[in-house]
């Protein structure tokens, strides 16, 4: 079981994501369940609706899902690096720049969902393979301390955050 991280194992910015996850959560089981929830929720969006943004300047449904995929890849990469003993600081990223250069509008919602499934499977496989000593190893990402365990909770909490936004701001207007 992956232990819930404590302050000092992650940048305080990520507290909002980590607090989205129960202290008793089996994070691998939750990551598996979330995969199904993503398919169920984004699957309700037709291709014609997938470029909808709930207000000007906000991401479209496709961009939201693409951002979730990109962020999970980056967080899982960070977890791999730290778990393997990387001592060099890992860079940050600007999610708005990534979305702006991703051309998600040119992709299909089904293609982005298939990508999410692939990314999530790789994420689960990675975290399932890590021994506790690797999960609690401290590294540095974007100038802050981080452990692979914290990154697992950040991934799940980040996804929960965006699924709530999808339900509250997008799906109610489609």
C-alpha atoms as a PDB file:
ATOM      1  CA  UNK A   1       0.000   0.000   0.000  1.00  0.00           C
ATOM      2  CA  UNK A   2       1.293   3.439  -0.908  1.00  0.00           C
ATOM      3  CA  UNK A   3       1.423   5.662   2.184  1.00  0.00           C
ATOM      4  CA  UNK A   4      -0.357   9.016   2.097  1.00  0.00           C
ATOM      5  CA  UNK A   5       2.314  11.717   1.975  1.00  0.00           C
ATOM      6  CA  UNK A   6       2.877  14.246   4.705  1.00  0.00           C
ATOM      7  CA  UNK A   7       3.822  17.921   4.358  1.00  0.00           C
ATOM      8  CA  UNK A   8       7.469  18.198   3.368  1.00  0.00           C
ATOM      9  CA  UNK A   9       7.083  15.444   0.766  1.00  0.00           C
ATOM     10  CA  UNK A  10       5.518  17.824  -1.760  1.00  0.00           C
ATOM     11  CA  UNK A  11       5.087  21.503  -2.576  1.00  0.00           C
ATOM     12  CA  UNK A  12       2.250  23.056  -0.573  1.00  0.00           C
ATOM     13  CA  UNK A  13       0.533  24.002  -3.876  1.00  0.00           C
ATOM     14  CA  UNK A  14      -0.385  20.312  -4.250  1.00  0.00           C
ATOM     15  CA  UNK A  15      -2.068  20.148  -0.847  1.00  0.00           C
ATOM     16  CA  UNK A  16      -5.436  20.823  -2.527  1.00  0.00           C
ATOM     17  CA  UNK A  17      -5.032  17.685  -4.636  1.00  0.00           C
ATOM     18  CA  UNK A  18      -3.735  15.472  -1.854  1.00  0.00           C
ATOM     19  CA  UNK A  19      -6.582  16.550   0.438  1.00  0.00           C
ATOM     20  CA  UNK A  20      -9.008  15.340  -2.253  1.00  0.00           C
ATOM     21  CA  UNK A  21      -7.939  11.796  -1.361  1.00  0.00           C
ATOM     22  CA  UNK A  22      -9.011   9.940   1.773  1.00  0.00           C
ATOM     23  CA  UNK A  23      -6.366   9.021   4.321  1.00  0.00           C
ATOM     24  CA  UNK A  24      -7.502   5.391   4.012  1.00  0.00           C
ATOM     25  CA  UNK A  25      -7.448   5.296   0.211  1.00  0.00           C
ATOM     26  CA  UNK A  26      -5.762   2.443  -1.589  1.00  0.00           C
ATOM     27  CA  UNK A  27      -4.280   4.717  -4.228  1.00  0.00           C
ATOM     28  CA  UNK A  28      -3.768   1.968  -6.821  1.00  0.00           C
ATOM     29  CA  UNK A  29      -7.399   0.907  -6.508  1.00  0.00           C
ATOM     30  CA  UNK A  30      -8.492   4.533  -6.763  1.00  0.00           C
ATOM     31  CA  UNK A  31      -6.390   5.092  -9.891  1.00  0.00           C
ATOM     32  CA  UNK A  32      -8.086   2.052 -11.435  1.00  0.00           C
ATOM     33  CA  UNK A  33     -11.580   3.312 -10.523  1.00  0.00           C
ATOM     34  CA  UNK A  34     -10.814   6.776 -11.844  1.00  0.00           C
ATOM     35  CA  UNK A  35      -9.928   5.308 -15.208  1.00  0.00           C
ATOM     36  CA  UNK A  36     -13.470   3.980 -15.475  1.00  0.00           C
ATOM     37  CA  UNK A  37     -14.944   7.288 -14.282  1.00  0.00           C
ATOM     38  CA  UNK A  38     -13.018   9.207 -16.948  1.00  0.00           C
ATOM     39  CA  UNK A  39     -14.401   6.943 -19.673  1.00  0.00           C
ATOM     40  CA  UNK A  40     -17.933   7.256 -18.270  1.00  0.00           C
ATOM     41  CA  UNK A  41     -17.878  11.059 -17.942  1.00  0.00           C
ATOM     42  CA  UNK A  42     -15.955  12.053 -21.060  1.00  0.00           C
ATOM     43  CA  UNK A  43     -17.820   9.345 -22.983  1.00  0.00           C
ATOM     44  CA  UNK A  44     -20.996  11.417 -22.516  1.00  0.00           C
ATOM     45  CA  UNK A  45     -19.470  14.163 -24.671  1.00  0.00           C
ATOM     46  CA  UNK A  46     -20.103  13.867 -28.399  1.00  0.00           C
ATOM     47  CA  UNK A  47     -17.419  14.760 -30.913  1.00  0.00           C
ATOM     48  CA  UNK A  48     -19.456  17.850 -31.780  1.00  0.00           C
ATOM     49  CA  UNK A  49     -19.460  18.960 -28.136  1.00  0.00           C
ATOM     50  CA  UNK A  50     -15.817  18.133 -27.392  1.00  0.00           C
ATOM     51  CA  UNK A  51     -14.476  21.556 -28.413  1.00  0.00           C
ATOM     52  CA  UNK A  52     -16.905  23.280 -26.022  1.00  0.00           C
ATOM     53  CA  UNK A  53     -15.414  25.586 -23.373  1.00  0.00           C
ATOM     54  CA  UNK A  54     -17.753  26.738 -20.591  1.00  0.00           C
ATOM     55  CA  UNK A  55     -16.601  30.349 -20.984  1.00  0.00           C
ATOM     56  CA  UNK A  56     -14.205  32.323 -23.198  1.00  0.00           C
ATOM     57  CA  UNK A  57     -10.554  31.760 -22.378  1.00  0.00           C
ATOM     58  CA  UNK A  58     -11.176  28.394 -20.688  1.00  0.00           C
ATOM     59  CA  UNK A  59     -10.037  25.071 -22.047  1.00  0.00           C
ATOM     60  CA  UNK A  60     -12.334  22.957 -24.176  1.00  0.00           C
ATOM     61  CA  UNK A  61     -13.406  19.485 -23.076  1.00  0.00           C
ATOM     62  CA  UNK A  62     -10.680  18.002 -25.306  1.00  0.00           C
ATOM     63  CA  UNK A  63      -8.085  20.381 -23.892  1.00  0.00           C
ATOM     64  CA  UNK A  64      -9.108  19.476 -20.347  1.00  0.00           C
ATOM     65  CA  UNK A  65      -8.660  15.769 -21.029  1.00  0.00           C
ATOM     66  CA  UNK A  66      -5.411  16.390 -22.903  1.00  0.00           C
ATOM     67  CA  UNK A  67      -4.130  18.426 -19.954  1.00  0.00           C
ATOM     68  CA  UNK A  68      -5.013  15.576 -17.595  1.00  0.00           C
ATOM     69  CA  UNK A  69      -3.055  13.163 -19.813  1.00  0.00           C
ATOM     70  CA  UNK A  70      -0.026  15.461 -20.051  1.00  0.00           C
ATOM     71  CA  UNK A  71       0.052  16.148 -16.324  1.00  0.00           C
ATOM     72  CA  UNK A  72      -0.197  12.486 -15.428  1.00  0.00           C
ATOM     73  CA  UNK A  73       2.679  11.657 -17.776  1.00  0.00           C
ATOM     74  CA  UNK A  74       4.843  14.375 -16.238  1.00  0.00           C
ATOM     75  CA  UNK A  75       4.033  13.398 -12.652  1.00  0.00           C
ATOM     76  CA  UNK A  76       4.653   9.707 -13.384  1.00  0.00           C
ATOM     77  CA  UNK A  77       7.976  10.588 -15.038  1.00  0.00           C
ATOM     78  CA  UNK A  78       8.938  12.574 -11.956  1.00  0.00           C
ATOM     79  CA  UNK A  79       7.994   9.584  -9.769  1.00  0.00           C
ATOM     80  CA  UNK A  80      10.152   7.281 -11.889  1.00  0.00           C
ATOM     81  CA  UNK A  81      13.131   9.638 -11.738  1.00  0.00           C
ATOM     82  CA  UNK A  82      12.941  10.113  -7.980  1.00  0.00           C
ATOM     83  CA  UNK A  83      12.305   6.410  -7.332  1.00  0.00           C
ATOM     84  CA  UNK A  84      15.427   5.569  -9.311  1.00  0.00           C
ATOM     85  CA  UNK A  85      17.527   7.957  -7.247  1.00  0.00           C
ATOM     86  CA  UNK A  86      17.741  10.996  -9.526  1.00  0.00           C
ATOM     87  CA  UNK A  87      19.433  13.802  -7.612  1.00  0.00           C
ATOM     88  CA  UNK A  88      19.192  16.503 -10.275  1.00  0.00           C
ATOM     89  CA  UNK A  89      16.237  18.880  -9.914  1.00  0.00           C
ATOM     90  CA  UNK A  90      13.425  18.042 -12.334  1.00  0.00           C
ATOM     91  CA  UNK A  91      11.948  20.945 -14.305  1.00  0.00           C
ATOM     92  CA  UNK A  92       8.522  22.440 -13.887  1.00  0.00           C
ATOM     93  CA  UNK A  93       6.080  22.990 -16.737  1.00  0.00           C
ATOM     94  CA  UNK A  94       3.495  25.564 -17.745  1.00  0.00           C
ATOM     95  CA  UNK A  95       0.220  23.748 -18.359  1.00  0.00           C
ATOM     96  CA  UNK A  96      -1.199  26.601 -20.431  1.00  0.00           C
ATOM     97  CA  UNK A  97       1.786  26.556 -22.780  1.00  0.00           C
ATOM     98  CA  UNK A  98       1.530  22.776 -23.098  1.00  0.00           C
ATOM     99  CA  UNK A  99      -2.174  22.959 -23.968  1.00  0.00           C
ATOM    100  CA  UNK A 100      -1.586  25.802 -26.431  1.00  0.00           C
ATOM    101  CA  UNK A 101       0.996  23.723 -28.309  1.00  0.00           C
ATOM    102  CA  UNK A 102      -0.789  20.356 -28.164  1.00  0.00           C
ATOM    103  CA  UNK A 103      -3.413  20.828 -30.909  1.00  0.00           C
ATOM    104  CA  UNK A 104      -5.961  18.851 -28.899  1.00  0.00           C
ATOM    105  CA  UNK A 105      -8.756  20.400 -30.996  1.00  0.00           C
ATOM    106  CA  UNK A 106      -7.454  18.406 -33.946  1.00  0.00           C
ATOM    107  CA  UNK A 107      -7.777  15.116 -32.037  1.00  0.00           C
ATOM    108  CA  UNK A 108     -10.896  13.074 -31.397  1.00  0.00           C
ATOM    109  CA  UNK A 109     -12.358  12.718 -27.934  1.00  0.00           C
ATOM    110  CA  UNK A 110     -12.149   8.929 -28.363  1.00  0.00           C
ATOM    111  CA  UNK A 111      -8.461   9.194 -29.240  1.00  0.00           C
ATOM    112  CA  UNK A 112      -7.816  11.267 -26.117  1.00  0.00           C
ATOM    113  CA  UNK A 113      -9.754   8.738 -24.031  1.00  0.00           C
ATOM    114  CA  UNK A 114      -7.698   5.880 -25.474  1.00  0.00           C
ATOM    115  CA  UNK A 115      -4.551   7.849 -24.641  1.00  0.00           C
ATOM    116  CA  UNK A 116      -5.797   8.376 -21.080  1.00  0.00           C
ATOM    117  CA  UNK A 117      -6.350   4.653 -20.691  1.00  0.00           C
ATOM    118  CA  UNK A 118      -2.810   3.913 -21.915  1.00  0.00           C
ATOM    119  CA  UNK A 119      -1.236   6.567 -19.696  1.00  0.00           C
ATOM    120  CA  UNK A 120      -3.196   5.399 -16.659  1.00  0.00           C
ATOM    121  CA  UNK A 121      -2.249   1.765 -17.238  1.00  0.00           C
ATOM    122  CA  UNK A 122       1.415   2.768 -17.342  1.00  0.00           C
ATOM    123  CA  UNK A 123       0.995   4.873 -14.192  1.00  0.00           C
ATOM    124  CA  UNK A 124      -0.608   2.026 -12.264  1.00  0.00           C
ATOM    125  CA  UNK A 125       2.070  -0.392 -13.450  1.00  0.00           C
ATOM    126  CA  UNK A 126       4.827   1.992 -12.357  1.00  0.00           C
ATOM    127  CA  UNK A 127       3.477   2.599  -8.865  1.00  0.00           C
ATOM    128  CA  UNK A 128       2.593  -1.074  -8.393  1.00  0.00           C
ATOM    129  CA  UNK A 129       6.213  -1.992  -9.139  1.00  0.00           C
ATOM    130  CA  UNK A 130       7.854   0.360  -6.638  1.00  0.00           C
ATOM    131  CA  UNK A 131       9.019  -0.935  -3.256  1.00  0.00           C
ATOM    132  CA  UNK A 132       8.354   1.231  -0.194  1.00  0.00           C
ATOM    133  CA  UNK A 133      11.956   2.417  -0.043  1.00  0.00           C
ATOM    134  CA  UNK A 134      11.521   3.891  -3.532  1.00  0.00           C
ATOM    135  CA  UNK A 135       8.083   5.354  -2.797  1.00  0.00           C
ATOM    136  CA  UNK A 136       9.419   7.397   0.092  1.00  0.00           C
ATOM    137  CA  UNK A 137      12.681   8.537  -1.535  1.00  0.00           C
ATOM    138  CA  UNK A 138      12.917  12.321  -1.570  1.00  0.00           C
ATOM    139  CA  UNK A 139      13.728  14.149  -4.791  1.00  0.00           C
ATOM    140  CA  UNK A 140      13.259  17.621  -6.213  1.00  0.00           C
ATOM    141  CA  UNK A 141      10.780  18.742  -8.857  1.00  0.00           C
ATOM    142  CA  UNK A 142      10.214  22.343  -9.869  1.00  0.00           C
ATOM    143  CA  UNK A 143      12.349  23.527  -6.962  1.00  0.00           C
ATOM    144  CA  UNK A 144      10.449  21.634  -4.270  1.00  0.00           C
ATOM    145  CA  UNK A 145      10.861  18.328  -2.442  1.00  0.00           C
ATOM    146  CA  UNK A 146       8.722  15.452  -3.658  1.00  0.00           C
ATOM    147  CA  UNK A 147       8.369  11.703  -3.143  1.00  0.00           C
ATOM    148  CA  UNK A 148       6.927   9.165  -5.578  1.00  0.00           C
ATOM    149  CA  UNK A 149       4.188   8.429  -3.024  1.00  0.00           C
ATOM    150  CA  UNK A 150       3.213  12.104  -3.038  1.00  0.00           C
ATOM    151  CA  UNK A 151       3.148  12.064  -6.835  1.00  0.00           C
ATOM    152  CA  UNK A 152       0.738   9.101  -6.834  1.00  0.00           C
ATOM    153  CA  UNK A 153      -1.651  11.073  -4.618  1.00  0.00           C
ATOM    154  CA  UNK A 154      -1.143  14.229  -6.673  1.00  0.00           C
ATOM    155  CA  UNK A 155      -2.074  12.339  -9.849  1.00  0.00           C
ATOM    156  CA  UNK A 156      -5.271  10.987  -8.301  1.00  0.00           C
ATOM    157  CA  UNK A 157      -6.166  14.294  -6.636  1.00  0.00           C
ATOM    158  CA  UNK A 158      -5.472  16.291  -9.787  1.00  0.00           C
ATOM    159  CA  UNK A 159      -7.742  14.006 -11.762  1.00  0.00           C
ATOM    160  CA  UNK A 160     -10.493  14.232  -9.140  1.00  0.00           C
ATOM    161  CA  UNK A 161     -10.187  18.039  -9.250  1.00  0.00           C
ATOM    162  CA  UNK A 162     -10.639  18.139 -13.019  1.00  0.00           C
ATOM    163  CA  UNK A 163     -13.439  15.574 -13.052  1.00  0.00           C
ATOM    164  CA  UNK A 164     -15.320  17.789 -10.605  1.00  0.00           C
ATOM    165  CA  UNK A 165     -14.781  20.757 -12.915  1.00  0.00           C
ATOM    166  CA  UNK A 166     -15.995  18.677 -15.867  1.00  0.00           C
ATOM    167  CA  UNK A 167     -19.187  17.791 -13.989  1.00  0.00           C
ATOM    168  CA  UNK A 168     -19.824  21.253 -12.513  1.00  0.00           C
ATOM    169  CA  UNK A 169     -18.874  23.537 -15.405  1.00  0.00           C
ATOM    170  CA  UNK A 170     -18.978  21.574 -18.645  1.00  0.00           C
ATOM    171  CA  UNK A 171     -21.480  18.722 -18.532  1.00  0.00           C
ATOM    172  CA  UNK A 172     -24.221  20.904 -17.030  1.00  0.00           C
ATOM    173  CA  UNK A 173     -23.995  23.201 -20.075  1.00  0.00           C
ATOM    174  CA  UNK A 174     -23.854  20.536 -22.787  1.00  0.00           C
END
